[in-house]
Amino acid sequence: MTEQYIYSKINLLNSEQFKKELLLFLEFLLSKQFAEKQQDKRVPKFGCAKGTFKMTPDFDEPLEDFKEPSLF
């Protein structure tokens, strides 16, 4: 689209309220555009969390909370 075409469409708006809404929408689009550029697009590498946590040896054992209560 050319800028001239955009300006001609803006001039067709009669209401100041519509022009204010258009301005808000343009500001939203600009903020979205700048936010996308600023995002750091890091891709995690396989194994990057190795050694950051340890599982206990009884990890797969049933929890006591789910055991059947003994009647005796």
PDB file of N, CA and C in Angstrom:
ATOM      1  N   MET A   1       0.845  -1.191   0.000  1.00  0.00           N
ATOM      2  CA  MET A   1       0.000   0.000   0.000  1.00  0.00           C
ATOM      3  C   MET A   1       0.883   1.245   0.000  1.00  0.00           C
ATOM      4  N   THR A   2       0.381   2.227  -0.600  1.00  0.00           N
ATOM      5  CA  THR A   2       1.123   3.481  -0.598  1.00  0.00           C
ATOM      6  C   THR A   2       0.640   4.363   0.540  1.00  0.00           C
ATOM      7  N   GLU A   3       1.477   5.252   0.949  1.00  0.00           N
ATOM      8  CA  GLU A   3       1.114   6.173   2.030  1.00  0.00           C
ATOM      9  C   GLU A   3      -0.033   7.082   1.603  1.00  0.00           C
ATOM     10  N   GLN A   4      -0.047   7.431   0.333  1.00  0.00           N
ATOM     11  CA  GLN A   4      -1.100   8.309  -0.178  1.00  0.00           C
ATOM     12  C   GLN A   4      -2.474   7.650  -0.040  1.00  0.00           C
ATOM     13  N   TYR A   5      -2.535   6.358  -0.303  1.00  0.00           N
ATOM     14  CA  TYR A   5      -3.791   5.617  -0.181  1.00  0.00           C
ATOM     15  C   TYR A   5      -4.252   5.598   1.273  1.00  0.00           C
ATOM     16  N   ILE A   6      -3.319   5.392   2.175  1.00  0.00           N
ATOM     17  CA  ILE A   6      -3.657   5.370   3.605  1.00  0.00           C
ATOM     18  C   ILE A   6      -4.176   6.733   4.049  1.00  0.00           C
ATOM     19  N   TYR A   7      -3.495   7.793   3.652  1.00  0.00           N
ATOM     20  CA  TYR A   7      -3.939   9.147   4.011  1.00  0.00           C
ATOM     21  C   TYR A   7      -5.313   9.445   3.456  1.00  0.00           C
ATOM     22  N   SER A   8      -5.604   8.997   2.253  1.00  0.00           N
ATOM     23  CA  SER A   8      -6.926   9.258   1.665  1.00  0.00           C
ATOM     24  C   SER A   8      -8.024   8.558   2.452  1.00  0.00           C
ATOM     25  N   LYS A   9      -7.739   7.354   2.946  1.00  0.00           N
ATOM     26  CA  LYS A   9      -8.729   6.637   3.753  1.00  0.00           C
ATOM     27  C   LYS A   9      -8.926   7.310   5.110  1.00  0.00           C
ATOM     28  N   ILE A  10      -7.858   7.820   5.685  1.00  0.00           N
ATOM     29  CA  ILE A  10      -7.966   8.526   6.960  1.00  0.00           C
ATOM     30  C   ILE A  10      -8.823   9.778   6.798  1.00  0.00           C
ATOM     31  N   ASN A  11      -8.643  10.472   5.705  1.00  0.00           N
ATOM     32  CA  ASN A  11      -9.413  11.693   5.459  1.00  0.00           C
ATOM     33  C   ASN A  11     -10.899  11.424   5.263  1.00  0.00           C
ATOM     34  N   LEU A  12     -11.244  10.194   4.926  1.00  0.00           N
ATOM     35  CA  LEU A  12     -12.654   9.849   4.758  1.00  0.00           C
ATOM     36  C   LEU A  12     -13.380   9.696   6.094  1.00  0.00           C
ATOM     37  N   LEU A  13     -12.622   9.534   7.165  1.00  0.00           N
ATOM     38  CA  LEU A  13     -13.236   9.409   8.484  1.00  0.00           C
ATOM     39  C   LEU A  13     -13.823  10.755   8.899  1.00  0.00           C
ATOM     40  N   ASN A  14     -15.106  10.740   9.245  1.00  0.00           N
ATOM     41  CA  ASN A  14     -15.788  11.978   9.619  1.00  0.00           C
ATOM     42  C   ASN A  14     -15.675  12.269  11.112  1.00  0.00           C
ATOM     43  N   SER A  15     -15.681  11.233  11.888  1.00  0.00           N
ATOM     44  CA  SER A  15     -15.764  11.392  13.334  1.00  0.00           C
ATOM     45  C   SER A  15     -14.377  11.491  13.963  1.00  0.00           C
ATOM     46  N   GLU A  16     -14.250  12.396  14.924  1.00  0.00           N
ATOM     47  CA  GLU A  16     -13.008  12.503  15.687  1.00  0.00           C
ATOM     48  C   GLU A  16     -12.803  11.251  16.534  1.00  0.00           C
ATOM     49  N   GLN A  17     -13.901  10.642  16.977  1.00  0.00           N
ATOM     50  CA  GLN A  17     -13.809   9.426  17.779  1.00  0.00           C
ATOM     51  C   GLN A  17     -13.160   8.298  16.971  1.00  0.00           C
ATOM     52  N   PHE A  18     -13.529   8.167  15.699  1.00  0.00           N
ATOM     53  CA  PHE A  18     -12.924   7.147  14.846  1.00  0.00           C
ATOM     54  C   PHE A  18     -11.442   7.422  14.632  1.00  0.00           C
ATOM     55  N   LYS A  19     -11.089   8.672  14.499  1.00  0.00           N
ATOM     56  CA  LYS A  19      -9.687   9.028  14.324  1.00  0.00           C
ATOM     57  C   LYS A  19      -8.882   8.713  15.577  1.00  0.00           C
ATOM     58  N   LYS A  20      -9.484   8.914  16.759  1.00  0.00           N
ATOM     59  CA  LYS A  20      -8.810   8.579  18.010  1.00  0.00           C
ATOM     60  C   LYS A  20      -8.622   7.065  18.123  1.00  0.00           C
ATOM     61  N   GLU A  21      -9.653   6.311  17.717  1.00  0.00           N
ATOM     62  CA  GLU A  21      -9.547   4.854  17.753  1.00  0.00           C
ATOM     63  C   GLU A  21      -8.475   4.360  16.793  1.00  0.00           C
ATOM     64  N   LEU A  22      -8.400   4.984  15.625  1.00  0.00           N
ATOM     65  CA  LEU A  22      -7.378   4.623  14.656  1.00  0.00           C
ATOM     66  C   LEU A  22      -5.983   4.907  15.216  1.00  0.00           C
ATOM     67  N   LEU A  23      -5.824   6.028  15.870  1.00  0.00           N
ATOM     68  CA  LEU A  23      -4.540   6.378  16.476  1.00  0.00           C
ATOM     69  C   LEU A  23      -4.147   5.362  17.555  1.00  0.00           C
ATOM     70  N   LEU A  24      -5.106   4.966  18.383  1.00  0.00           N
ATOM     71  CA  LEU A  24      -4.821   3.966  19.419  1.00  0.00           C
ATOM     72  C   LEU A  24      -4.412   2.639  18.793  1.00  0.00           C
ATOM     73  N   PHE A  25      -5.101   2.264  17.713  1.00  0.00           N
ATOM     74  CA  PHE A  25      -4.774   1.004  17.044  1.00  0.00           C
ATOM     75  C   PHE A  25      -3.379   1.068  16.414  1.00  0.00           C
ATOM     76  N   LEU A  26      -3.033   2.187  15.830  1.00  0.00           N
ATOM     77  CA  LEU A  26      -1.696   2.342  15.252  1.00  0.00           C
ATOM     78  C   LEU A  26      -0.619   2.263  16.327  1.00  0.00           C
ATOM     79  N   GLU A  27      -0.872   2.877  17.474  1.00  0.00           N
ATOM     80  CA  GLU A  27       0.083   2.798  18.576  1.00  0.00           C
ATOM     81  C   GLU A  27       0.230   1.359  19.072  1.00  0.00           C
ATOM     82  N   PHE A  28      -0.887   0.631  19.102  1.00  0.00           N
ATOM     83  CA  PHE A  28      -0.839  -0.780  19.494  1.00  0.00           C
ATOM     84  C   PHE A  28       0.013  -1.582  18.516  1.00  0.00           C
ATOM     85  N   LEU A  29      -0.190  -1.372  17.216  1.00  0.00           N
ATOM     86  CA  LEU A  29       0.584  -2.101  16.214  1.00  0.00           C
ATOM     87  C   LEU A  29       2.073  -1.779  16.313  1.00  0.00           C
ATOM     88  N   LEU A  30       2.401  -0.511  16.543  1.00  0.00           N
ATOM     89  CA  LEU A  30       3.799  -0.131  16.668  1.00  0.00           C
ATOM     90  C   LEU A  30       4.448  -0.756  17.903  1.00  0.00           C
ATOM     91  N   SER A  31       3.725  -0.768  19.016  1.00  0.00           N
ATOM     92  CA  SER A  31       4.285  -1.379  20.226  1.00  0.00           C
ATOM     93  C   SER A  31       4.481  -2.877  20.029  1.00  0.00           C
ATOM     94  N   LYS A  32       3.566  -3.512  19.329  1.00  0.00           N
ATOM     95  CA  LYS A  32       3.680  -4.939  19.044  1.00  0.00           C
ATOM     96  C   LYS A  32       4.880  -5.203  18.138  1.00  0.00           C
ATOM     97  N   GLN A  33       5.083  -4.351  17.147  1.00  0.00           N
ATOM     98  CA  GLN A  33       6.200  -4.510  16.227  1.00  0.00           C
ATOM     99  C   GLN A  33       7.531  -4.376  16.958  1.00  0.00           C
ATOM    100  N   PHE A  34       7.658  -3.382  17.836  1.00  0.00           N
ATOM    101  CA  PHE A  34       8.905  -3.188  18.564  1.00  0.00           C
ATOM    102  C   PHE A  34       9.127  -4.285  19.594  1.00  0.00           C
ATOM    103  N   ALA A  35       8.051  -4.801  20.178  1.00  0.00           N
ATOM    104  CA  ALA A  35       8.184  -5.869  21.168  1.00  0.00           C
ATOM    105  C   ALA A  35       8.703  -7.144  20.505  1.00  0.00           C
ATOM    106  N   GLU A  36       8.258  -7.428  19.287  1.00  0.00           N
ATOM    107  CA  GLU A  36       8.719  -8.621  18.584  1.00  0.00           C
ATOM    108  C   GLU A  36      10.201  -8.522  18.250  1.00  0.00           C
ATOM    109  N   LYS A  37      10.673  -7.347  17.925  1.00  0.00           N
ATOM    110  CA  LYS A  37      12.082  -7.172  17.589  1.00  0.00           C
ATOM    111  C   LYS A  37      12.959  -7.305  18.820  1.00  0.00           C
ATOM    112  N   GLN A  38      12.440  -6.908  19.974  1.00  0.00           N
ATOM    113  CA  GLN A  38      13.247  -6.899  21.186  1.00  0.00           C
ATOM    114  C   GLN A  38      13.317  -8.256  21.863  1.00  0.00           C
ATOM    115  N   GLN A  39      12.407  -9.159  21.509  1.00  0.00           N
ATOM    116  CA  GLN A  39      12.411 -10.462  22.153  1.00  0.00           C
ATOM    117  C   GLN A  39      13.660 -11.232  21.755  1.00  0.00           C
ATOM    118  N   ASP A  40      14.270 -11.821  22.754  1.00  0.00           N
ATOM    119  CA  ASP A  40      15.458 -12.625  22.512  1.00  0.00           C
ATOM    120  C   ASP A  40      14.980 -14.027  22.177  1.00  0.00           C
ATOM    121  N   LYS A  41      15.242 -14.483  20.988  1.00  0.00           N
ATOM    122  CA  LYS A  41      14.746 -15.781  20.533  1.00  0.00           C
ATOM    123  C   LYS A  41      15.809 -16.848  20.776  1.00  0.00           C
ATOM    124  N   ARG A  42      16.008 -17.207  22.017  1.00  0.00           N
ATOM    125  CA  ARG A  42      16.959 -18.257  22.348  1.00  0.00           C
ATOM    126  C   ARG A  42      16.285 -19.615  22.246  1.00  0.00           C
ATOM    127  N   VAL A  43      17.010 -20.547  21.692  1.00  0.00           N
ATOM    128  CA  VAL A  43      16.527 -21.918  21.605  1.00  0.00           C
ATOM    129  C   VAL A  43      17.338 -22.744  22.596  1.00  0.00           C
ATOM    130  N   PRO A  44      16.661 -23.404  23.532  1.00  0.00           N
ATOM    131  CA  PRO A  44      17.424 -24.185  24.504  1.00  0.00           C
ATOM    132  C   PRO A  44      18.134 -25.360  23.825  1.00  0.00           C
ATOM    133  N   LYS A  45      19.340 -25.625  24.279  1.00  0.00           N
ATOM    134  CA  LYS A  45      20.110 -26.729  23.716  1.00  0.00           C
ATOM    135  C   LYS A  45      19.817 -27.989  24.508  1.00  0.00           C
ATOM    136  N   PHE A  46      19.857 -29.117  23.818  1.00  0.00           N
ATOM    137  CA  PHE A  46      19.595 -30.393  24.458  1.00  0.00           C
ATOM    138  C   PHE A  46      20.603 -30.636  25.574  1.00  0.00           C
ATOM    139  N   GLY A  47      20.099 -30.965  26.743  1.00  0.00           N
ATOM    140  CA  GLY A  47      20.956 -31.269  27.877  1.00  0.00           C
ATOM    141  C   GLY A  47      21.423 -30.062  28.656  1.00  0.00           C
ATOM    142  N   CYS A  48      20.864 -28.892  28.407  1.00  0.00           N
ATOM    143  CA  CYS A  48      21.343 -27.688  29.090  1.00  0.00           C
ATOM    144  C   CYS A  48      20.971 -27.675  30.573  1.00  0.00           C
ATOM    145  N   ALA A  49      20.016 -28.493  30.997  1.00  0.00           N
ATOM    146  CA  ALA A  49      19.618 -28.523  32.404  1.00  0.00           C
ATOM    147  C   ALA A  49      20.275 -29.671  33.161  1.00  0.00           C
ATOM    148  N   LYS A  50      21.199 -30.359  32.518  1.00  0.00           N
ATOM    149  CA  LYS A  50      21.834 -31.511  33.147  1.00  0.00           C
ATOM    150  C   LYS A  50      22.576 -31.078  34.418  1.00  0.00           C
ATOM    151  N   GLY A  51      22.299 -31.796  35.521  1.00  0.00           N
ATOM    152  CA  GLY A  51      22.963 -31.516  36.778  1.00  0.00           C
ATOM    153  C   GLY A  51      22.313 -30.432  37.608  1.00  0.00           C
ATOM    154  N   THR A  52      21.211 -29.859  37.149  1.00  0.00           N
ATOM    155  CA  THR A  52      20.592 -28.784  37.926  1.00  0.00           C
ATOM    156  C   THR A  52      19.641 -29.325  38.995  1.00  0.00           C
ATOM    157  N   PHE A  53      19.209 -30.581  38.858  1.00  0.00           N
ATOM    158  CA  PHE A  53      18.370 -31.169  39.899  1.00  0.00           C
ATOM    159  C   PHE A  53      18.678 -32.654  39.989  1.00  0.00           C
ATOM    160  N   LYS A  54      18.364 -33.220  41.149  1.00  0.00           N
ATOM    161  CA  LYS A  54      18.608 -34.642  41.368  1.00  0.00           C
ATOM    162  C   LYS A  54      17.328 -35.289  41.872  1.00  0.00           C
ATOM    163  N   MET A  55      17.071 -36.493  41.405  1.00  0.00           N
ATOM    164  CA  MET A  55      15.904 -37.242  41.861  1.00  0.00           C
ATOM    165  C   MET A  55      16.356 -38.226  42.935  1.00  0.00           C
ATOM    166  N   THR A  56      15.534 -38.370  43.935  1.00  0.00           N
ATOM    167  CA  THR A  56      15.867 -39.289  45.024  1.00  0.00           C
ATOM    168  C   THR A  56      15.705 -40.727  44.542  1.00  0.00           C
ATOM    169  N   PRO A  57      16.408 -41.657  45.173  1.00  0.00           N
ATOM    170  CA  PRO A  57      16.309 -43.056  44.740  1.00  0.00           C
ATOM    171  C   PRO A  57      14.895 -43.629  44.862  1.00  0.00           C
ATOM    172  N   ASP A  58      14.090 -43.129  45.796  1.00  0.00           N
ATOM    173  CA  ASP A  58      12.730 -43.656  45.966  1.00  0.00           C
ATOM    174  C   ASP A  58      11.697 -42.852  45.172  1.00  0.00           C
ATOM    175  N   PHE A  59      12.105 -42.233  44.095  1.00  0.00           N
ATOM    176  CA  PHE A  59      11.209 -41.378  43.311  1.00  0.00           C
ATOM    177  C   PHE A  59       9.994 -42.152  42.778  1.00  0.00           C
ATOM    178  N   ASP A  60      10.216 -43.390  42.331  1.00  0.00           N
ATOM    179  CA  ASP A  60       9.135 -44.176  41.730  1.00  0.00           C
ATOM    180  C   ASP A  60       8.310 -44.946  42.749  1.00  0.00           C
ATOM    181  N   GLU A  61       8.667 -44.895  43.994  1.00  0.00           N
ATOM    182  CA  GLU A  61       7.919 -45.616  45.030  1.00  0.00           C
ATOM    183  C   GLU A  61       6.561 -44.946  45.244  1.00  0.00           C
ATOM    184  N   PRO A  62       5.543 -45.742  45.627  1.00  0.00           N
ATOM    185  CA  PRO A  62       4.220 -45.146  45.893  1.00  0.00           C
ATOM    186  C   PRO A  62       4.270 -44.210  47.106  1.00  0.00           C
ATOM    187  N   LEU A  63       3.489 -43.173  47.049  1.00  0.00           N
ATOM    188  CA  LEU A  63       3.432 -42.218  48.148  1.00  0.00           C
ATOM    189  C   LEU A  63       2.594 -42.770  49.281  1.00  0.00           C
ATOM    190  N   GLU A  64       2.934 -42.396  50.497  1.00  0.00           N
ATOM    191  CA  GLU A  64       2.182 -42.880  51.655  1.00  0.00           C
ATOM    192  C   GLU A  64       0.763 -42.326  51.667  1.00  0.00           C
ATOM    193  N   ASP A  65       0.564 -41.186  51.083  1.00  0.00           N
ATOM    194  CA  ASP A  65      -0.770 -40.593  51.055  1.00  0.00           C
ATOM    195  C   ASP A  65      -1.770 -41.440  50.276  1.00  0.00           C
ATOM    196  N   PHE A  66      -1.287 -42.256  49.345  1.00  0.00           N
ATOM    197  CA  PHE A  66      -2.190 -43.041  48.500  1.00  0.00           C
ATOM    198  C   PHE A  66      -2.271 -44.504  48.938  1.00  0.00           C
ATOM    199  N   LYS A  67      -1.613 -44.868  50.006  1.00  0.00           N
ATOM    200  CA  LYS A  67      -1.668 -46.249  50.490  1.00  0.00           C
ATOM    201  C   LYS A  67      -3.022 -46.487  51.142  1.00  0.00           C
ATOM    202  N   GLU A  68      -3.450 -47.752  51.049  1.00  0.00           N
ATOM    203  CA  GLU A  68      -4.712 -48.149  51.680  1.00  0.00           C
ATOM    204  C   GLU A  68      -4.521 -48.130  53.197  1.00  0.00           C
ATOM    205  N   PRO A  69      -5.474 -47.565  53.941  1.00  0.00           N
ATOM    206  CA  PRO A  69      -5.350 -47.566  55.401  1.00  0.00           C
ATOM    207  C   PRO A  69      -5.560 -48.987  55.942  1.00  0.00           C
ATOM    208  N   SER A  70      -4.746 -49.349  56.885  1.00  0.00           N
ATOM    209  CA  SER A  70      -4.882 -50.682  57.469  1.00  0.00           C
ATOM    210  C   SER A  70      -5.985 -50.654  58.540  1.00  0.00           C
ATOM    211  N   LEU A  71      -6.774 -51.681  58.554  1.00  0.00           N
ATOM    212  CA  LEU A  71      -7.885 -51.747  59.493  1.00  0.00           C
ATOM    213  C   LEU A  71      -7.443 -52.314  60.840  1.00  0.00           C
ATOM    214  N   PHE A  72      -6.315 -52.968  60.888  1.00  0.00           N
ATOM    215  CA  PHE A  72      -5.862 -53.589  62.132  1.00  0.00           C
ATOM    216  C   PHE A  72      -4.654 -52.914  62.665  1.00  0.00           C
TER     217      PHE A  72
END
